[in-house]
N, C-alpha and C. Protein backbone atom coordinates (compact mmCIF):
# COMPACT_ATOMS: atom_id res chain seq x y z
N MET A 1 7.96 13.85 -93.30
CA MET A 1 8.88 14.08 -92.21
C MET A 1 10.27 14.25 -92.81
N PRO A 2 10.98 15.32 -92.46
CA PRO A 2 12.31 15.56 -93.00
C PRO A 2 13.28 14.45 -92.60
N MET A 3 14.19 14.12 -93.51
CA MET A 3 15.15 13.05 -93.28
C MET A 3 16.15 13.38 -92.17
N ASP A 4 16.42 14.66 -91.94
CA ASP A 4 17.42 15.03 -90.94
C ASP A 4 16.82 15.20 -89.54
N MET A 5 15.54 14.85 -89.38
CA MET A 5 14.89 14.98 -88.08
C MET A 5 15.43 13.93 -87.11
N GLU A 6 15.77 14.35 -85.92
CA GLU A 6 16.29 13.42 -84.91
C GLU A 6 15.14 12.88 -84.07
N PHE A 7 15.25 11.62 -83.78
CA PHE A 7 14.27 10.99 -82.92
C PHE A 7 14.81 10.99 -81.49
N PRO A 8 13.92 11.08 -80.52
CA PRO A 8 14.39 11.06 -79.13
C PRO A 8 15.05 9.72 -78.81
N VAL A 9 16.07 9.78 -78.01
CA VAL A 9 16.77 8.58 -77.58
C VAL A 9 16.05 8.05 -76.33
N PRO A 10 15.69 6.77 -76.34
CA PRO A 10 15.01 6.23 -75.17
C PRO A 10 15.91 6.30 -73.93
N ASP A 11 15.32 6.62 -72.82
CA ASP A 11 16.06 6.69 -71.56
C ASP A 11 15.74 5.42 -70.77
N PHE A 12 16.50 4.37 -71.04
CA PHE A 12 16.23 3.08 -70.41
C PHE A 12 16.52 3.11 -68.91
N GLU A 13 17.45 3.92 -68.50
CA GLU A 13 17.74 4.03 -67.07
C GLU A 13 16.56 4.64 -66.32
N GLU A 14 15.95 5.66 -66.90
CA GLU A 14 14.77 6.27 -66.28
C GLU A 14 13.62 5.28 -66.24
N ALA A 15 13.45 4.52 -67.31
CA ALA A 15 12.39 3.51 -67.34
C ALA A 15 12.63 2.47 -66.25
N ALA A 16 13.87 2.06 -66.05
CA ALA A 16 14.20 1.09 -65.00
C ALA A 16 13.92 1.67 -63.62
N ARG A 17 14.25 2.94 -63.41
CA ARG A 17 13.97 3.58 -62.13
C ARG A 17 12.46 3.63 -61.87
N THR A 18 11.71 3.98 -62.89
CA THR A 18 10.25 4.05 -62.75
C THR A 18 9.69 2.68 -62.40
N ARG A 19 10.17 1.65 -63.08
CA ARG A 19 9.69 0.28 -62.81
C ARG A 19 10.04 -0.13 -61.38
N ALA A 20 11.24 0.24 -60.90
CA ALA A 20 11.64 -0.09 -59.53
C ALA A 20 10.72 0.60 -58.52
N ILE A 21 10.35 1.83 -58.79
CA ILE A 21 9.43 2.56 -57.90
C ILE A 21 8.07 1.87 -57.89
N GLN A 22 7.61 1.44 -59.06
CA GLN A 22 6.33 0.72 -59.13
C GLN A 22 6.41 -0.58 -58.33
N ARG A 23 7.49 -1.33 -58.48
CA ARG A 23 7.64 -2.60 -57.75
C ARG A 23 7.63 -2.35 -56.23
N GLU A 24 8.29 -1.30 -55.81
CA GLU A 24 8.32 -0.98 -54.38
C GLU A 24 6.92 -0.62 -53.88
N GLY A 25 6.17 0.13 -54.66
CA GLY A 25 4.80 0.47 -54.28
C GLY A 25 3.92 -0.77 -54.17
N VAL A 26 4.09 -1.70 -55.10
CA VAL A 26 3.33 -2.95 -55.05
C VAL A 26 3.73 -3.74 -53.81
N ARG A 27 5.03 -3.82 -53.51
CA ARG A 27 5.51 -4.56 -52.34
C ARG A 27 4.89 -3.98 -51.06
N ARG A 28 4.86 -2.66 -50.96
CA ARG A 28 4.28 -2.02 -49.78
C ARG A 28 2.78 -2.32 -49.67
N ALA A 29 2.09 -2.28 -50.80
CA ALA A 29 0.65 -2.58 -50.79
C ALA A 29 0.41 -4.01 -50.31
N VAL A 30 1.24 -4.94 -50.74
CA VAL A 30 1.11 -6.33 -50.28
C VAL A 30 1.42 -6.41 -48.79
N ASP A 31 2.50 -5.76 -48.37
CA ASP A 31 2.90 -5.79 -46.95
C ASP A 31 1.83 -5.22 -46.04
N HIS A 32 1.09 -4.24 -46.52
CA HIS A 32 0.04 -3.60 -45.70
C HIS A 32 -1.35 -4.21 -45.92
N GLY A 33 -1.41 -5.31 -46.66
CA GLY A 33 -2.68 -6.01 -46.86
C GLY A 33 -3.64 -5.34 -47.82
N ARG A 34 -3.18 -4.38 -48.59
CA ARG A 34 -4.06 -3.70 -49.55
C ARG A 34 -4.09 -4.40 -50.90
N LEU A 35 -3.21 -5.38 -51.09
CA LEU A 35 -3.11 -6.10 -52.37
C LEU A 35 -2.78 -7.55 -52.07
N ALA A 36 -3.49 -8.46 -52.72
CA ALA A 36 -3.22 -9.89 -52.52
C ALA A 36 -1.80 -10.22 -52.98
N PRO A 37 -1.09 -11.05 -52.24
CA PRO A 37 0.29 -11.38 -52.61
C PRO A 37 0.43 -11.97 -54.01
N ASP A 38 -0.52 -12.81 -54.44
CA ASP A 38 -0.39 -13.40 -55.77
C ASP A 38 -0.57 -12.35 -56.87
N ILE A 39 -1.43 -11.39 -56.64
CA ILE A 39 -1.61 -10.32 -57.62
C ILE A 39 -0.37 -9.42 -57.63
N GLY A 40 0.18 -9.15 -56.46
CA GLY A 40 1.42 -8.39 -56.38
C GLY A 40 2.55 -9.08 -57.12
N ALA A 41 2.64 -10.40 -56.97
CA ALA A 41 3.68 -11.16 -57.68
C ALA A 41 3.49 -11.08 -59.19
N ALA A 42 2.25 -11.14 -59.64
CA ALA A 42 1.98 -11.03 -61.08
C ALA A 42 2.35 -9.66 -61.61
N MET A 43 2.05 -8.64 -60.82
CA MET A 43 2.33 -7.26 -61.26
C MET A 43 3.83 -6.98 -61.35
N THR A 44 4.62 -7.69 -60.56
CA THR A 44 6.06 -7.43 -60.54
C THR A 44 6.87 -8.51 -61.26
N SER A 45 6.19 -9.47 -61.87
CA SER A 45 6.91 -10.53 -62.58
C SER A 45 7.56 -9.97 -63.84
N PRO A 46 8.64 -10.58 -64.27
CA PRO A 46 9.34 -10.10 -65.47
C PRO A 46 8.47 -10.08 -66.73
N GLU A 47 7.51 -11.01 -66.82
CA GLU A 47 6.67 -11.04 -68.03
C GLU A 47 5.48 -10.08 -67.97
N ALA A 48 5.30 -9.41 -66.84
CA ALA A 48 4.21 -8.43 -66.75
C ALA A 48 4.58 -7.20 -67.58
N GLY A 49 3.72 -6.83 -68.47
CA GLY A 49 3.96 -5.63 -69.26
C GLY A 49 3.77 -4.39 -68.41
N ASP A 50 4.11 -3.25 -68.97
CA ASP A 50 3.99 -2.00 -68.24
C ASP A 50 2.56 -1.74 -67.77
N TRP A 51 1.58 -2.06 -68.61
CA TRP A 51 0.20 -1.80 -68.25
C TRP A 51 -0.19 -2.63 -67.03
N LEU A 52 0.07 -3.94 -67.08
CA LEU A 52 -0.31 -4.82 -65.98
C LEU A 52 0.45 -4.44 -64.71
N ALA A 53 1.72 -4.08 -64.87
CA ALA A 53 2.54 -3.72 -63.71
C ALA A 53 2.02 -2.47 -63.01
N SER A 54 1.42 -1.57 -63.75
CA SER A 54 0.96 -0.32 -63.14
C SER A 54 -0.52 -0.33 -62.77
N GLN A 55 -1.31 -1.19 -63.38
CA GLN A 55 -2.76 -1.16 -63.15
C GLN A 55 -3.26 -2.22 -62.17
N GLY A 56 -2.67 -3.39 -62.18
CA GLY A 56 -3.17 -4.47 -61.34
C GLY A 56 -4.46 -5.04 -61.90
N PHE A 57 -5.05 -5.96 -61.17
CA PHE A 57 -6.29 -6.61 -61.61
C PHE A 57 -6.93 -7.27 -60.41
N GLU A 58 -8.17 -7.69 -60.57
CA GLU A 58 -8.90 -8.38 -59.51
C GLU A 58 -9.24 -9.79 -59.95
N VAL A 59 -9.49 -10.65 -58.98
CA VAL A 59 -9.86 -12.04 -59.24
C VAL A 59 -10.96 -12.42 -58.25
N VAL A 60 -11.97 -13.10 -58.74
CA VAL A 60 -13.05 -13.55 -57.87
C VAL A 60 -12.52 -14.54 -56.83
N ALA A 61 -13.26 -14.72 -55.76
CA ALA A 61 -12.84 -15.64 -54.70
C ALA A 61 -13.00 -17.10 -55.11
N SER A 62 -13.98 -17.39 -55.97
CA SER A 62 -14.26 -18.76 -56.36
C SER A 62 -14.84 -18.78 -57.77
N LEU A 63 -14.50 -19.81 -58.53
CA LEU A 63 -15.12 -19.94 -59.86
C LEU A 63 -16.62 -20.16 -59.74
N ASP A 64 -17.06 -20.69 -58.62
CA ASP A 64 -18.51 -20.87 -58.40
C ASP A 64 -19.24 -19.53 -58.34
N ASP A 65 -18.50 -18.46 -58.07
CA ASP A 65 -19.10 -17.12 -58.04
C ASP A 65 -19.49 -16.63 -59.42
N LEU A 66 -18.91 -17.20 -60.47
CA LEU A 66 -19.14 -16.71 -61.84
C LEU A 66 -20.52 -17.16 -62.30
N GLN A 67 -21.45 -16.24 -62.27
CA GLN A 67 -22.85 -16.54 -62.58
C GLN A 67 -23.36 -15.79 -63.80
N GLY A 68 -22.46 -15.34 -64.66
CA GLY A 68 -22.86 -14.57 -65.83
C GLY A 68 -23.63 -15.42 -66.83
N PRO A 69 -24.31 -14.75 -67.75
CA PRO A 69 -25.08 -15.47 -68.77
C PRO A 69 -24.17 -16.22 -69.74
N SER A 70 -24.71 -17.24 -70.37
CA SER A 70 -23.93 -18.03 -71.33
C SER A 70 -24.26 -17.68 -72.78
N SER A 71 -25.29 -16.87 -72.98
CA SER A 71 -25.65 -16.46 -74.34
C SER A 71 -26.45 -15.17 -74.27
N GLY A 72 -26.67 -14.61 -75.45
CA GLY A 72 -27.45 -13.38 -75.52
C GLY A 72 -26.59 -12.13 -75.42
N SER A 73 -27.26 -11.03 -75.26
CA SER A 73 -26.59 -9.73 -75.19
C SER A 73 -26.46 -9.30 -73.74
N VAL A 74 -25.29 -8.76 -73.40
CA VAL A 74 -25.07 -8.26 -72.05
C VAL A 74 -24.66 -6.80 -72.12
N GLN A 75 -25.06 -6.06 -71.11
CA GLN A 75 -24.65 -4.66 -71.02
C GLN A 75 -23.25 -4.61 -70.44
N ILE A 76 -22.39 -3.81 -71.07
CA ILE A 76 -21.00 -3.67 -70.65
C ILE A 76 -20.90 -2.47 -69.72
N PRO A 77 -20.24 -2.65 -68.57
CA PRO A 77 -20.03 -1.49 -67.70
C PRO A 77 -19.32 -0.36 -68.46
N THR A 78 -19.73 0.85 -68.21
CA THR A 78 -19.20 2.01 -68.93
C THR A 78 -17.68 2.04 -68.94
N ARG A 79 -17.07 1.71 -67.84
CA ARG A 79 -15.61 1.75 -67.73
C ARG A 79 -14.93 0.76 -68.68
N LEU A 80 -15.62 -0.29 -69.10
CA LEU A 80 -15.05 -1.31 -69.98
C LEU A 80 -15.42 -1.10 -71.44
N ALA A 81 -16.32 -0.19 -71.71
CA ALA A 81 -16.80 0.02 -73.08
C ALA A 81 -15.87 0.94 -73.86
N ASP A 82 -15.86 0.74 -75.17
CA ASP A 82 -15.13 1.64 -76.08
C ASP A 82 -15.75 1.50 -77.47
N ARG A 83 -15.04 1.93 -78.49
CA ARG A 83 -15.60 1.87 -79.84
C ARG A 83 -15.85 0.44 -80.30
N GLU A 84 -15.01 -0.50 -79.88
CA GLU A 84 -15.19 -1.89 -80.32
C GLU A 84 -16.37 -2.56 -79.63
N LEU A 85 -16.52 -2.30 -78.36
CA LEU A 85 -17.64 -2.84 -77.58
C LEU A 85 -18.30 -1.67 -76.87
N SER A 86 -19.25 -1.09 -77.53
CA SER A 86 -19.85 0.14 -77.00
C SER A 86 -21.21 -0.13 -76.39
N GLY A 87 -21.21 -0.49 -75.15
CA GLY A 87 -22.47 -0.63 -74.43
C GLY A 87 -22.97 -2.04 -74.26
N HIS A 88 -22.89 -2.86 -75.31
CA HIS A 88 -23.40 -4.22 -75.25
C HIS A 88 -22.44 -5.17 -75.95
N ALA A 89 -22.44 -6.43 -75.50
CA ALA A 89 -21.68 -7.47 -76.17
C ALA A 89 -22.61 -8.65 -76.41
N ASP A 90 -22.51 -9.24 -77.58
CA ASP A 90 -23.29 -10.41 -77.95
C ASP A 90 -22.46 -11.64 -77.62
N LEU A 91 -22.85 -12.39 -76.61
CA LEU A 91 -22.08 -13.56 -76.20
C LEU A 91 -22.12 -14.68 -77.23
N ASP A 92 -23.04 -14.60 -78.16
CA ASP A 92 -23.11 -15.60 -79.23
C ASP A 92 -22.14 -15.27 -80.37
N ASN A 93 -21.53 -14.09 -80.31
CA ASN A 93 -20.53 -13.67 -81.29
C ASN A 93 -19.15 -13.96 -80.67
N PRO A 94 -18.40 -14.93 -81.21
CA PRO A 94 -17.12 -15.32 -80.59
C PRO A 94 -16.16 -14.16 -80.38
N TRP A 95 -16.07 -13.22 -81.32
CA TRP A 95 -15.13 -12.10 -81.18
C TRP A 95 -15.55 -11.19 -80.03
N GLN A 96 -16.84 -10.85 -79.97
CA GLN A 96 -17.31 -9.98 -78.89
C GLN A 96 -17.17 -10.66 -77.53
N ARG A 97 -17.46 -11.96 -77.49
CA ARG A 97 -17.32 -12.70 -76.23
C ARG A 97 -15.85 -12.68 -75.78
N LEU A 98 -14.92 -12.93 -76.69
CA LEU A 98 -13.49 -12.92 -76.36
C LEU A 98 -13.07 -11.55 -75.85
N GLN A 99 -13.48 -10.49 -76.53
CA GLN A 99 -13.11 -9.14 -76.11
C GLN A 99 -13.66 -8.82 -74.72
N LEU A 100 -14.91 -9.18 -74.49
CA LEU A 100 -15.52 -8.92 -73.19
C LEU A 100 -14.79 -9.69 -72.08
N TYR A 101 -14.55 -10.97 -72.30
CA TYR A 101 -13.89 -11.78 -71.27
C TYR A 101 -12.48 -11.28 -71.01
N ARG A 102 -11.76 -10.92 -72.04
CA ARG A 102 -10.40 -10.39 -71.86
C ARG A 102 -10.45 -9.11 -71.02
N ARG A 103 -11.38 -8.23 -71.32
CA ARG A 103 -11.49 -6.97 -70.56
C ARG A 103 -11.87 -7.23 -69.11
N LEU A 104 -12.77 -8.16 -68.89
CA LEU A 104 -13.18 -8.46 -67.53
C LEU A 104 -12.02 -9.03 -66.71
N LEU A 105 -11.20 -9.87 -67.33
CA LEU A 105 -10.04 -10.42 -66.62
C LEU A 105 -9.02 -9.32 -66.32
N LEU A 106 -8.79 -8.45 -67.29
CA LEU A 106 -7.76 -7.41 -67.14
C LEU A 106 -8.21 -6.24 -66.27
N THR A 107 -9.41 -5.75 -66.49
CA THR A 107 -9.80 -4.49 -65.84
C THR A 107 -11.12 -4.55 -65.08
N GLY A 108 -11.79 -5.69 -65.13
CA GLY A 108 -13.06 -5.79 -64.43
C GLY A 108 -12.87 -5.96 -62.93
N THR A 109 -13.80 -5.44 -62.19
CA THR A 109 -13.79 -5.67 -60.75
C THR A 109 -14.25 -7.11 -60.49
N ALA A 110 -13.99 -7.61 -59.30
CA ALA A 110 -14.46 -8.95 -58.95
C ALA A 110 -15.98 -9.02 -59.06
N GLU A 111 -16.65 -7.94 -58.69
CA GLU A 111 -18.12 -7.92 -58.79
C GLU A 111 -18.57 -7.99 -60.26
N GLN A 112 -17.91 -7.25 -61.14
CA GLN A 112 -18.24 -7.32 -62.56
C GLN A 112 -17.95 -8.71 -63.12
N GLN A 113 -16.87 -9.32 -62.67
CA GLN A 113 -16.55 -10.68 -63.10
C GLN A 113 -17.65 -11.64 -62.65
N ARG A 114 -18.10 -11.51 -61.39
CA ARG A 114 -19.17 -12.37 -60.88
C ARG A 114 -20.44 -12.24 -61.72
N GLN A 115 -20.77 -11.01 -62.09
CA GLN A 115 -22.02 -10.76 -62.81
C GLN A 115 -21.97 -11.14 -64.29
N LEU A 116 -20.79 -11.01 -64.92
CA LEU A 116 -20.73 -11.14 -66.37
C LEU A 116 -19.99 -12.37 -66.89
N LEU A 117 -19.05 -12.92 -66.11
CA LEU A 117 -18.35 -14.11 -66.57
C LEU A 117 -19.18 -15.35 -66.23
N ASN A 118 -19.22 -16.25 -67.16
CA ASN A 118 -19.90 -17.52 -66.97
C ASN A 118 -18.82 -18.59 -66.79
N ARG A 119 -18.93 -19.36 -65.74
CA ARG A 119 -17.89 -20.34 -65.42
C ARG A 119 -17.61 -21.29 -66.58
N GLU A 120 -18.63 -21.84 -67.18
CA GLU A 120 -18.41 -22.81 -68.27
C GLU A 120 -17.84 -22.14 -69.52
N LEU A 121 -18.32 -20.94 -69.84
CA LEU A 121 -17.74 -20.23 -70.99
C LEU A 121 -16.28 -19.90 -70.74
N LEU A 122 -15.95 -19.48 -69.53
CA LEU A 122 -14.56 -19.17 -69.21
C LEU A 122 -13.70 -20.42 -69.36
N ARG A 123 -14.16 -21.54 -68.88
CA ARG A 123 -13.40 -22.79 -69.01
C ARG A 123 -13.23 -23.18 -70.49
N GLN A 124 -14.25 -22.96 -71.29
CA GLN A 124 -14.14 -23.27 -72.73
C GLN A 124 -13.13 -22.36 -73.41
N MET A 125 -13.08 -21.11 -73.00
CA MET A 125 -12.20 -20.13 -73.65
C MET A 125 -10.78 -20.17 -73.10
N TRP A 126 -10.59 -20.71 -71.92
CA TRP A 126 -9.30 -20.65 -71.24
C TRP A 126 -8.12 -21.16 -72.07
N PRO A 127 -8.24 -22.28 -72.77
CA PRO A 127 -7.10 -22.76 -73.55
C PRO A 127 -6.63 -21.78 -74.63
N HIS A 128 -7.44 -20.80 -74.96
CA HIS A 128 -7.05 -19.81 -75.98
C HIS A 128 -6.16 -18.72 -75.41
N ARG A 129 -5.81 -18.83 -74.11
CA ARG A 129 -4.90 -17.88 -73.45
C ARG A 129 -5.39 -16.45 -73.64
N ILE A 130 -6.47 -16.12 -73.00
CA ILE A 130 -7.18 -14.87 -73.26
C ILE A 130 -6.68 -13.67 -72.46
N GLY A 131 -5.49 -13.77 -71.91
CA GLY A 131 -4.93 -12.65 -71.16
C GLY A 131 -3.42 -12.76 -71.08
N PRO A 132 -2.78 -11.79 -70.45
CA PRO A 132 -1.33 -11.83 -70.28
C PRO A 132 -0.91 -13.03 -69.42
N PRO A 133 0.26 -13.59 -69.68
CA PRO A 133 0.70 -14.78 -68.93
C PRO A 133 0.69 -14.61 -67.41
N ALA A 134 1.11 -13.47 -66.91
CA ALA A 134 1.16 -13.28 -65.46
C ALA A 134 -0.24 -13.29 -64.85
N LEU A 135 -1.20 -12.70 -65.53
CA LEU A 135 -2.58 -12.70 -65.05
C LEU A 135 -3.15 -14.12 -65.10
N LEU A 136 -2.93 -14.82 -66.22
CA LEU A 136 -3.45 -16.18 -66.35
C LEU A 136 -2.87 -17.11 -65.30
N LYS A 137 -1.58 -16.95 -64.99
CA LYS A 137 -0.94 -17.77 -63.96
C LYS A 137 -1.60 -17.54 -62.61
N THR A 138 -1.93 -16.31 -62.29
CA THR A 138 -2.60 -16.02 -61.02
C THR A 138 -3.94 -16.74 -60.94
N TRP A 139 -4.72 -16.64 -62.01
CA TRP A 139 -6.00 -17.35 -62.03
C TRP A 139 -5.79 -18.85 -61.91
N GLU A 140 -4.81 -19.40 -62.63
CA GLU A 140 -4.57 -20.84 -62.58
C GLU A 140 -4.05 -21.29 -61.22
N ASP A 141 -3.25 -20.46 -60.56
CA ASP A 141 -2.78 -20.80 -59.22
C ASP A 141 -3.94 -20.82 -58.23
N ARG A 142 -4.88 -19.89 -58.39
CA ARG A 142 -6.04 -19.87 -57.50
C ARG A 142 -7.03 -20.97 -57.85
N PHE A 143 -7.14 -21.25 -59.13
CA PHE A 143 -8.13 -22.23 -59.61
C PHE A 143 -7.43 -23.25 -60.51
N PRO A 144 -6.77 -24.27 -59.92
CA PRO A 144 -6.00 -25.24 -60.71
C PRO A 144 -6.80 -25.94 -61.79
N GLU A 145 -8.12 -26.03 -61.62
CA GLU A 145 -8.92 -26.68 -62.65
C GLU A 145 -8.80 -25.97 -64.00
N LEU A 146 -8.52 -24.66 -64.00
CA LEU A 146 -8.33 -23.95 -65.27
C LEU A 146 -7.07 -24.42 -65.97
N ARG A 147 -6.04 -24.71 -65.21
CA ARG A 147 -4.77 -25.17 -65.78
C ARG A 147 -4.96 -26.48 -66.53
N HIS A 148 -5.91 -27.27 -66.09
CA HIS A 148 -6.11 -28.59 -66.67
C HIS A 148 -7.28 -28.63 -67.65
N THR A 149 -7.72 -27.46 -68.10
CA THR A 149 -8.81 -27.40 -69.07
C THR A 149 -8.28 -27.91 -70.41
N PRO A 150 -8.94 -28.89 -71.00
CA PRO A 150 -8.44 -29.43 -72.28
C PRO A 150 -8.48 -28.39 -73.40
N SER A 151 -7.50 -28.47 -74.27
CA SER A 151 -7.46 -27.58 -75.44
C SER A 151 -8.56 -27.97 -76.40
N PRO A 152 -9.04 -26.98 -77.18
CA PRO A 152 -10.14 -27.28 -78.12
C PRO A 152 -9.68 -28.16 -79.25
């Protein structure tokens, strides 16, 4: 790369305008009942990154709903698969289990969470902070028992 090449100057004002538009869209979705207020608050919180602010996430209604397997191989929904986890995850492999659980919290539907997350495994993994702070706070606010899960 030539030394005299100029790099683009970031347009922070445009980024702020875009973020304000996103926040307004989230507020309207909450006001019209299309988005849960706690998820809307997480999406617009200062610690929410750009991805979380624009994508949102889902949360199951109850931890009792989490009926996923605790060991073995599970098929990963196509939308959650990539080169790292392509099709299947081995729950007995700590790295694959962590990646799967992180993806399910961030981008999984509530139905996918019900089918693939295991309540006890989630509680064991929770102290490792397996997601963005705003997302984890939403889960902990809905399920206070996660907040009090002992560290390993």
